[in-house]
């Protein structure tokens, strides 16, 4: 595996089949599962409780389409940046030391836009879940607790740079152990197990059928990213650690 230092700006691109195969590794699975998820989403989106509502002059189905486009764009962006950097050092050869900050900025913009779009869907479609609003909001507050603890654990032990994937950019991370402190004491996949609870909060808070349907899609689709992109990358970046038997997440 070719993996250059973040400061290496002049190394030639490894234009070979091995690099290309590794860049596209398991992306057939990404595409297949995305098609299945979108297909499964279609009947729900056509139902009346999910379609009703307007926000800022846009109907709920329009907000759903925007949210889906942002979700796919976000995860495709991460795949492209991670894989082309890991196997071809594309970003650091092109931008030098600015490679990771530029990637992180793009990630932040897309992630915040993705989260905002889910809030917009839920707000447009509010009041469509026939359950007690107070109970739903209490549940949302309870689910916020592990999310807050997750972000504290990332800040305190994991670092946001590592959460964003700096280990794809800096080879020095290969020798670092996996974090087992804070919320990561309970699962090594803390960002997936607990972080994805964020997707459910808008739908619960606004009692939105569309918000909950979209939360289910996002929850499943982020796990697609894990199995199709992140886990294969981790096996290459941390081969000895990933080969060691681990307790299930």
C-alpha atoms as a PDB file:
ATOM      1  CA  UNK A   1       0.000   0.000   0.000  1.00  0.00           C
ATOM      2  CA  UNK A   2       1.360   3.395  -0.985  1.00  0.00           C
ATOM      3  CA  UNK A   3       0.786   5.950   1.756  1.00  0.00           C
ATOM      4  CA  UNK A   4       2.843   9.161   1.713  1.00  0.00           C
ATOM      5  CA  UNK A   5       3.464  11.724   4.419  1.00  0.00           C
ATOM      6  CA  UNK A   6       1.090  14.653   4.646  1.00  0.00           C
ATOM      7  CA  UNK A   7       3.960  16.947   3.679  1.00  0.00           C
ATOM      8  CA  UNK A   8       4.912  14.981   0.532  1.00  0.00           C
ATOM      9  CA  UNK A   9       3.785  17.222  -2.336  1.00  0.00           C
ATOM     10  CA  UNK A  10       5.839  15.861  -5.217  1.00  0.00           C
ATOM     11  CA  UNK A  11       5.424  12.082  -5.269  1.00  0.00           C
ATOM     12  CA  UNK A  12       3.884  10.766  -8.494  1.00  0.00           C
ATOM     13  CA  UNK A  13       0.360   9.420  -8.542  1.00  0.00           C
ATOM     14  CA  UNK A  14       0.277   5.627  -8.356  1.00  0.00           C
ATOM     15  CA  UNK A  15      -1.696   5.116 -11.566  1.00  0.00           C
ATOM     16  CA  UNK A  16      -1.948   1.345 -11.300  1.00  0.00           C
ATOM     17  CA  UNK A  17      -4.767  -1.193 -11.081  1.00  0.00           C
ATOM     18  CA  UNK A  18      -3.988  -2.014  -7.448  1.00  0.00           C
ATOM     19  CA  UNK A  19      -4.548   1.594  -6.337  1.00  0.00           C
ATOM     20  CA  UNK A  20      -7.750   1.878  -8.364  1.00  0.00           C
ATOM     21  CA  UNK A  21      -9.058  -1.423  -7.049  1.00  0.00           C
ATOM     22  CA  UNK A  22      -8.425  -0.299  -3.496  1.00  0.00           C
ATOM     23  CA  UNK A  23     -10.062   3.089  -4.072  1.00  0.00           C
ATOM     24  CA  UNK A  24     -13.227   1.375  -5.314  1.00  0.00           C
ATOM     25  CA  UNK A  25     -13.066  -1.534  -2.874  1.00  0.00           C
ATOM     26  CA  UNK A  26     -16.573  -2.531  -1.721  1.00  0.00           C
ATOM     27  CA  UNK A  27     -18.194   0.426  -3.441  1.00  0.00           C
ATOM     28  CA  UNK A  28     -20.345  -2.032  -5.346  1.00  0.00           C
ATOM     29  CA  UNK A  29     -21.789  -2.867  -1.928  1.00  0.00           C
ATOM     30  CA  UNK A  30     -22.282   0.838  -1.185  1.00  0.00           C
ATOM     31  CA  UNK A  31     -24.198   1.316  -4.445  1.00  0.00           C
ATOM     32  CA  UNK A  32     -26.248  -1.869  -4.083  1.00  0.00           C
ATOM     33  CA  UNK A  33     -27.337  -1.124  -0.517  1.00  0.00           C
ATOM     34  CA  UNK A  34     -28.085   2.502  -1.388  1.00  0.00           C
ATOM     35  CA  UNK A  35     -30.391   1.381  -4.202  1.00  0.00           C
ATOM     36  CA  UNK A  36     -32.132  -1.039  -1.836  1.00  0.00           C
ATOM     37  CA  UNK A  37     -32.540   1.643   0.829  1.00  0.00           C
ATOM     38  CA  UNK A  38     -33.973   4.136  -1.646  1.00  0.00           C
ATOM     39  CA  UNK A  39     -36.290   1.466  -3.002  1.00  0.00           C
ATOM     40  CA  UNK A  40     -37.500   0.659   0.488  1.00  0.00           C
ATOM     41  CA  UNK A  41     -37.975   4.342   1.221  1.00  0.00           C
ATOM     42  CA  UNK A  42     -40.259   4.954  -1.758  1.00  0.00           C
ATOM     43  CA  UNK A  43     -43.500   3.449  -0.347  1.00  0.00           C
ATOM     44  CA  UNK A  44     -43.065   5.358   2.920  1.00  0.00           C
ATOM     45  CA  UNK A  45     -42.479   8.664   1.143  1.00  0.00           C
ATOM     46  CA  UNK A  46     -45.676   8.150  -0.861  1.00  0.00           C
ATOM     47  CA  UNK A  47     -47.817   7.748   2.264  1.00  0.00           C
ATOM     48  CA  UNK A  48     -49.986  10.685   3.329  1.00  0.00           C
ATOM     49  CA  UNK A  49     -48.520  11.208   6.836  1.00  0.00           C
ATOM     50  CA  UNK A  50     -45.044  11.560   5.335  1.00  0.00           C
ATOM     51  CA  UNK A  51     -46.016  13.833   2.433  1.00  0.00           C
ATOM     52  CA  UNK A  52     -47.978  16.499   4.281  1.00  0.00           C
ATOM     53  CA  UNK A  53     -46.503  19.800   5.401  1.00  0.00           C
ATOM     54  CA  UNK A  54     -44.744  22.878   4.049  1.00  0.00           C
ATOM     55  CA  UNK A  55     -41.782  24.887   5.318  1.00  0.00           C
ATOM     56  CA  UNK A  56     -40.471  28.106   3.751  1.00  0.00           C
ATOM     57  CA  UNK A  57     -42.702  27.496   0.756  1.00  0.00           C
ATOM     58  CA  UNK A  58     -41.330  24.012   0.054  1.00  0.00           C
ATOM     59  CA  UNK A  59     -43.432  20.886   0.513  1.00  0.00           C
ATOM     60  CA  UNK A  60     -42.149  18.045   2.667  1.00  0.00           C
ATOM     61  CA  UNK A  61     -41.317  15.759  -0.310  1.00  0.00           C
ATOM     62  CA  UNK A  62     -39.000  18.465  -1.672  1.00  0.00           C
ATOM     63  CA  UNK A  63     -37.214  18.705   1.671  1.00  0.00           C
ATOM     64  CA  UNK A  64     -36.896  14.909   1.703  1.00  0.00           C
ATOM     65  CA  UNK A  65     -35.257  14.940  -1.730  1.00  0.00           C
ATOM     66  CA  UNK A  66     -32.841  17.653  -0.567  1.00  0.00           C
ATOM     67  CA  UNK A  67     -32.008  15.612   2.539  1.00  0.00           C
ATOM     68  CA  UNK A  68     -31.384  12.467   0.495  1.00  0.00           C
ATOM     69  CA  UNK A  69     -29.145  14.298  -1.984  1.00  0.00           C
ATOM     70  CA  UNK A  70     -27.106  15.748   0.882  1.00  0.00           C
ATOM     71  CA  UNK A  71     -26.778  12.343   2.566  1.00  0.00           C
ATOM     72  CA  UNK A  72     -25.483  10.667  -0.592  1.00  0.00           C
ATOM     73  CA  UNK A  73     -23.220  13.623  -1.423  1.00  0.00           C
ATOM     74  CA  UNK A  74     -21.772  13.647   2.095  1.00  0.00           C
ATOM     75  CA  UNK A  75     -20.912   9.964   2.165  1.00  0.00           C
ATOM     76  CA  UNK A  76     -19.630   9.945  -1.418  1.00  0.00           C
ATOM     77  CA  UNK A  77     -17.396  12.904  -0.558  1.00  0.00           C
ATOM     78  CA  UNK A  78     -15.929  11.062   2.421  1.00  0.00           C
ATOM     79  CA  UNK A  79     -15.345   7.928   0.357  1.00  0.00           C
ATOM     80  CA  UNK A  80     -13.604   9.872  -2.419  1.00  0.00           C
ATOM     81  CA  UNK A  81     -11.382  11.894  -0.087  1.00  0.00           C
ATOM     82  CA  UNK A  82     -10.468   9.011   2.188  1.00  0.00           C
ATOM     83  CA  UNK A  83      -9.713   6.473  -0.504  1.00  0.00           C
ATOM     84  CA  UNK A  84      -7.864   8.744  -2.931  1.00  0.00           C
ATOM     85  CA  UNK A  85      -5.754  10.038  -0.057  1.00  0.00           C
ATOM     86  CA  UNK A  86      -5.093   6.639   1.503  1.00  0.00           C
ATOM     87  CA  UNK A  87      -4.122   4.931  -1.740  1.00  0.00           C
ATOM     88  CA  UNK A  88      -2.903   7.817  -3.934  1.00  0.00           C
ATOM     89  CA  UNK A  89      -2.141  10.710  -1.525  1.00  0.00           C
ATOM     90  CA  UNK A  90      -4.250  12.851  -3.861  1.00  0.00           C
ATOM     91  CA  UNK A  91      -5.184  15.633  -1.451  1.00  0.00           C
ATOM     92  CA  UNK A  92      -1.754  16.109   0.087  1.00  0.00           C
ATOM     93  CA  UNK A  93      -0.029  15.935  -3.298  1.00  0.00           C
ATOM     94  CA  UNK A  94      -2.447  18.542  -4.618  1.00  0.00           C
ATOM     95  CA  UNK A  95      -2.788  20.845  -1.610  1.00  0.00           C
ATOM     96  CA  UNK A  96       0.171  19.945   0.596  1.00  0.00           C
ATOM     97  CA  UNK A  97      -0.353  20.567   4.298  1.00  0.00           C
ATOM     98  CA  UNK A  98      -3.752  22.123   3.507  1.00  0.00           C
ATOM     99  CA  UNK A  99      -5.100  18.785   2.302  1.00  0.00           C
ATOM    100  CA  UNK A 100      -6.627  17.668   5.577  1.00  0.00           C
ATOM    101  CA  UNK A 101      -7.973  21.104   6.642  1.00  0.00           C
ATOM    102  CA  UNK A 102      -9.629  21.533   3.243  1.00  0.00           C
ATOM    103  CA  UNK A 103     -11.169  18.070   3.445  1.00  0.00           C
ATOM    104  CA  UNK A 104     -12.326  18.723   7.027  1.00  0.00           C
ATOM    105  CA  UNK A 105     -13.953  21.998   5.974  1.00  0.00           C
ATOM    106  CA  UNK A 106     -15.873  20.265   3.205  1.00  0.00           C
ATOM    107  CA  UNK A 107     -16.882  17.518   5.618  1.00  0.00           C
ATOM    108  CA  UNK A 108     -18.177  20.024   8.166  1.00  0.00           C
ATOM    109  CA  UNK A 109     -20.194  21.943   5.562  1.00  0.00           C
ATOM    110  CA  UNK A 110     -21.816  18.790   4.206  1.00  0.00           C
ATOM    111  CA  UNK A 111     -22.430  17.259   7.651  1.00  0.00           C
ATOM    112  CA  UNK A 112     -24.074  20.413   8.993  1.00  0.00           C
ATOM    113  CA  UNK A 113     -26.138  20.766   5.818  1.00  0.00           C
ATOM    114  CA  UNK A 114     -27.206  17.137   6.119  1.00  0.00           C
ATOM    115  CA  UNK A 115     -28.288  17.559   9.746  1.00  0.00           C
ATOM    116  CA  UNK A 116     -30.066  20.828   8.948  1.00  0.00           C
ATOM    117  CA  UNK A 117     -31.998  19.197   6.120  1.00  0.00           C
ATOM    118  CA  UNK A 118     -33.290  16.526   8.507  1.00  0.00           C
ATOM    119  CA  UNK A 119     -34.473  19.271  10.869  1.00  0.00           C
ATOM    120  CA  UNK A 120     -36.212  21.001   7.952  1.00  0.00           C
ATOM    121  CA  UNK A 121     -38.008  17.793   6.991  1.00  0.00           C
ATOM    122  CA  UNK A 122     -39.200  17.234  10.555  1.00  0.00           C
ATOM    123  CA  UNK A 123     -40.305  20.853  10.983  1.00  0.00           C
ATOM    124  CA  UNK A 124     -42.235  20.812   7.705  1.00  0.00           C
ATOM    125  CA  UNK A 125     -43.970  17.565   8.628  1.00  0.00           C
ATOM    126  CA  UNK A 126     -44.545  18.247  12.330  1.00  0.00           C
ATOM    127  CA  UNK A 127     -47.425  16.718  14.239  1.00  0.00           C
ATOM    128  CA  UNK A 128     -47.914  13.697  11.987  1.00  0.00           C
ATOM    129  CA  UNK A 129     -47.009  11.024  14.561  1.00  0.00           C
ATOM    130  CA  UNK A 130     -50.182  10.148  16.521  1.00  0.00           C
ATOM    131  CA  UNK A 131     -48.423   9.911  19.881  1.00  0.00           C
ATOM    132  CA  UNK A 132     -48.147  12.209  22.874  1.00  0.00           C
ATOM    133  CA  UNK A 133     -45.800  15.063  21.990  1.00  0.00           C
ATOM    134  CA  UNK A 134     -44.495  15.429  25.538  1.00  0.00           C
ATOM    135  CA  UNK A 135     -43.538  11.768  25.676  1.00  0.00           C
ATOM    136  CA  UNK A 136     -41.745  11.993  22.336  1.00  0.00           C
ATOM    137  CA  UNK A 137     -39.805  15.047  23.471  1.00  0.00           C
ATOM    138  CA  UNK A 138     -38.832  13.390  26.741  1.00  0.00           C
ATOM    139  CA  UNK A 139     -37.502  10.469  24.698  1.00  0.00           C
ATOM    140  CA  UNK A 140     -35.555  12.911  22.511  1.00  0.00           C
ATOM    141  CA  UNK A 141     -33.975  14.507  25.587  1.00  0.00           C
ATOM    142  CA  UNK A 142     -33.038  11.090  26.997  1.00  0.00           C
ATOM    143  CA  UNK A 143     -31.431  10.120  23.682  1.00  0.00           C
ATOM    144  CA  UNK A 144     -29.465  13.362  23.700  1.00  0.00           C
ATOM    145  CA  UNK A 145     -27.540  12.286  26.827  1.00  0.00           C
ATOM    146  CA  UNK A 146     -25.361   9.607  25.142  1.00  0.00           C
ATOM    147  CA  UNK A 147     -24.888  11.914  22.152  1.00  0.00           C
ATOM    148  CA  UNK A 148     -23.490  14.640  24.415  1.00  0.00           C
ATOM    149  CA  UNK A 149     -21.281  12.086  26.186  1.00  0.00           C
ATOM    150  CA  UNK A 150     -20.048  10.901  22.795  1.00  0.00           C
ATOM    151  CA  UNK A 151     -18.969  14.395  21.788  1.00  0.00           C
ATOM    152  CA  UNK A 152     -17.304  14.873  25.169  1.00  0.00           C
ATOM    153  CA  UNK A 153     -15.438  11.581  24.687  1.00  0.00           C
ATOM    154  CA  UNK A 154     -14.344  12.584  21.200  1.00  0.00           C
ATOM    155  CA  UNK A 155     -13.063  15.920  22.491  1.00  0.00           C
ATOM    156  CA  UNK A 156     -11.409  14.449  25.582  1.00  0.00           C
ATOM    157  CA  UNK A 157      -9.968  11.169  24.317  1.00  0.00           C
ATOM    158  CA  UNK A 158     -10.444  10.593  20.597  1.00  0.00           C
ATOM    159  CA  UNK A 159      -9.975  14.104  19.087  1.00  0.00           C
ATOM    160  CA  UNK A 160     -12.136  15.516  16.332  1.00  0.00           C
ATOM    161  CA  UNK A 161      -9.244  15.267  13.865  1.00  0.00           C
ATOM    162  CA  UNK A 162      -9.205  11.517  14.275  1.00  0.00           C
ATOM    163  CA  UNK A 163     -13.001  11.362  14.104  1.00  0.00           C
ATOM    164  CA  UNK A 164     -12.813  13.150  10.753  1.00  0.00           C
ATOM    165  CA  UNK A 165     -10.327  10.591   9.418  1.00  0.00           C
ATOM    166  CA  UNK A 166      -6.894  12.169   9.854  1.00  0.00           C
ATOM    167  CA  UNK A 167      -5.488   8.631  10.021  1.00  0.00           C
ATOM    168  CA  UNK A 168      -6.026   8.502   6.248  1.00  0.00           C
ATOM    169  CA  UNK A 169      -3.663  11.474   5.932  1.00  0.00           C
ATOM    170  CA  UNK A 170      -0.962  10.896   8.561  1.00  0.00           C
ATOM    171  CA  UNK A 171       0.829   7.508   8.619  1.00  0.00           C
ATOM    172  CA  UNK A 172       1.908   8.121  12.228  1.00  0.00           C
ATOM    173  CA  UNK A 173      -1.578   7.059  13.314  1.00  0.00           C
ATOM    174  CA  UNK A 174      -0.866   3.468  12.277  1.00  0.00           C
ATOM    175  CA  UNK A 175       1.039   2.905  15.506  1.00  0.00           C
ATOM    176  CA  UNK A 176      -1.593   4.444  17.773  1.00  0.00           C
ATOM    177  CA  UNK A 177      -3.933   2.222  19.774  1.00  0.00           C
ATOM    178  CA  UNK A 178      -7.669   2.272  19.392  1.00  0.00           C
ATOM    179  CA  UNK A 179      -9.311   4.493  21.995  1.00  0.00           C
ATOM    180  CA  UNK A 180     -10.980   2.605  24.851  1.00  0.00           C
ATOM    181  CA  UNK A 181     -11.862   5.519  27.138  1.00  0.00           C
ATOM    182  CA  UNK A 182     -15.010   7.529  27.723  1.00  0.00           C
ATOM    183  CA  UNK A 183     -17.946   6.200  25.743  1.00  0.00           C
ATOM    184  CA  UNK A 184     -15.508   4.035  23.771  1.00  0.00           C
ATOM    185  CA  UNK A 185     -15.192   1.812  26.859  1.00  0.00           C
ATOM    186  CA  UNK A 186     -18.590   0.391  25.968  1.00  0.00           C
ATOM    187  CA  UNK A 187     -18.124   0.000  22.219  1.00  0.00           C
ATOM    188  CA  UNK A 188     -15.325   0.700  19.772  1.00  0.00           C
ATOM    189  CA  UNK A 189     -18.004   1.941  17.348  1.00  0.00           C
ATOM    190  CA  UNK A 190     -19.238   4.723  19.596  1.00  0.00           C
ATOM    191  CA  UNK A 191     -19.812   7.166  16.756  1.00  0.00           C
ATOM    192  CA  UNK A 192     -22.085   4.684  14.997  1.00  0.00           C
ATOM    193  CA  UNK A 193     -23.859   3.188  18.000  1.00  0.00           C
ATOM    194  CA  UNK A 194     -24.495   6.483  19.810  1.00  0.00           C
ATOM    195  CA  UNK A 195     -23.784   9.243  17.288  1.00  0.00           C
ATOM    196  CA  UNK A 196     -26.544   8.070  14.979  1.00  0.00           C
ATOM    197  CA  UNK A 197     -29.108   8.789  17.676  1.00  0.00           C
ATOM    198  CA  UNK A 198     -28.836  12.407  16.486  1.00  0.00           C
ATOM    199  CA  UNK A 199     -30.714  11.469  13.330  1.00  0.00           C
ATOM    200  CA  UNK A 200     -33.799  10.589  15.384  1.00  0.00           C
ATOM    201  CA  UNK A 201     -33.959  13.732  17.493  1.00  0.00           C
ATOM    202  CA  UNK A 202     -35.701  16.084  14.992  1.00  0.00           C
ATOM    203  CA  UNK A 203     -38.384  13.529  14.137  1.00  0.00           C
ATOM    204  CA  UNK A 204     -39.104  12.864  17.796  1.00  0.00           C
ATOM    205  CA  UNK A 205     -39.051  16.528  18.801  1.00  0.00           C
ATOM    206  CA  UNK A 206     -41.478  17.564  16.073  1.00  0.00           C
ATOM    207  CA  UNK A 207     -43.512  14.318  16.140  1.00  0.00           C
ATOM    208  CA  UNK A 208     -42.772  13.995  12.426  1.00  0.00           C
ATOM    209  CA  UNK A 209     -43.441  10.840  10.430  1.00  0.00           C
ATOM    210  CA  UNK A 210     -41.178  12.059   7.629  1.00  0.00           C
ATOM    211  CA  UNK A 211     -38.463  12.941  10.127  1.00  0.00           C
ATOM    212  CA  UNK A 212     -38.537   9.435  11.593  1.00  0.00           C
ATOM    213  CA  UNK A 213     -38.546   7.784   8.165  1.00  0.00           C
ATOM    214  CA  UNK A 214     -35.562   9.893   7.162  1.00  0.00           C
ATOM    215  CA  UNK A 215     -33.845   9.049  10.458  1.00  0.00           C
ATOM    216  CA  UNK A 216     -34.212   5.349   9.691  1.00  0.00           C
ATOM    217  CA  UNK A 217     -32.712   5.875   6.241  1.00  0.00           C
ATOM    218  CA  UNK A 218     -29.776   7.877   7.586  1.00  0.00           C
ATOM    219  CA  UNK A 219     -29.163   5.398  10.396  1.00  0.00           C
ATOM    220  CA  UNK A 220     -28.985   2.501   7.946  1.00  0.00           C
ATOM    221  CA  UNK A 221     -27.047   4.439   5.308  1.00  0.00           C
ATOM    222  CA  UNK A 222     -24.276   5.470   7.702  1.00  0.00           C
ATOM    223  CA  UNK A 223     -23.792   1.799   8.567  1.00  0.00           C
ATOM    224  CA  UNK A 224     -23.445   1.191   4.820  1.00  0.00           C
ATOM    225  CA  UNK A 225     -20.543   3.654   4.925  1.00  0.00           C
ATOM    226  CA  UNK A 226     -19.001   1.711   7.795  1.00  0.00           C
ATOM    227  CA  UNK A 227     -19.092  -1.679   6.081  1.00  0.00           C
ATOM    228  CA  UNK A 228     -18.344  -0.476   2.538  1.00  0.00           C
ATOM    229  CA  UNK A 229     -15.737   2.208   3.245  1.00  0.00           C
ATOM    230  CA  UNK A 230     -14.534   2.679   6.806  1.00  0.00           C
ATOM    231  CA  UNK A 231     -14.015  -0.900   7.950  1.00  0.00           C
ATOM    232  CA  UNK A 232     -11.913  -1.890   4.904  1.00  0.00           C
ATOM    233  CA  UNK A 233      -9.839   1.268   5.434  1.00  0.00           C
ATOM    234  CA  UNK A 234      -9.298   0.498   9.115  1.00  0.00           C
ATOM    235  CA  UNK A 235      -8.046  -2.975   8.218  1.00  0.00           C
ATOM    236  CA  UNK A 236      -5.352  -1.348   6.087  1.00  0.00           C
ATOM    237  CA  UNK A 237      -4.476   1.493   8.466  1.00  0.00           C
ATOM    238  CA  UNK A 238      -4.508  -0.626  11.653  1.00  0.00           C
ATOM    239  CA  UNK A 239      -3.855  -4.178  10.365  1.00  0.00           C
ATOM    240  CA  UNK A 240      -2.601  -5.600  13.664  1.00  0.00           C
ATOM    241  CA  UNK A 241      -5.352  -4.017  15.764  1.00  0.00           C
ATOM    242  CA  UNK A 242      -8.170  -4.966  13.410  1.00  0.00           C
ATOM    243  CA  UNK A 243      -6.862  -8.544  13.238  1.00  0.00           C
ATOM    244  CA  UNK A 244      -7.152  -8.873  17.019  1.00  0.00           C
ATOM    245  CA  UNK A 245     -10.497 -10.339  18.143  1.00  0.00           C
ATOM    246  CA  UNK A 246     -12.674  -7.575  19.545  1.00  0.00           C
ATOM    247  CA  UNK A 247     -15.882  -7.684  21.556  1.00  0.00           C
ATOM    248  CA  UNK A 248     -18.927  -6.900  19.414  1.00  0.00           C
ATOM    249  CA  UNK A 249     -20.052  -3.273  19.231  1.00  0.00           C
END
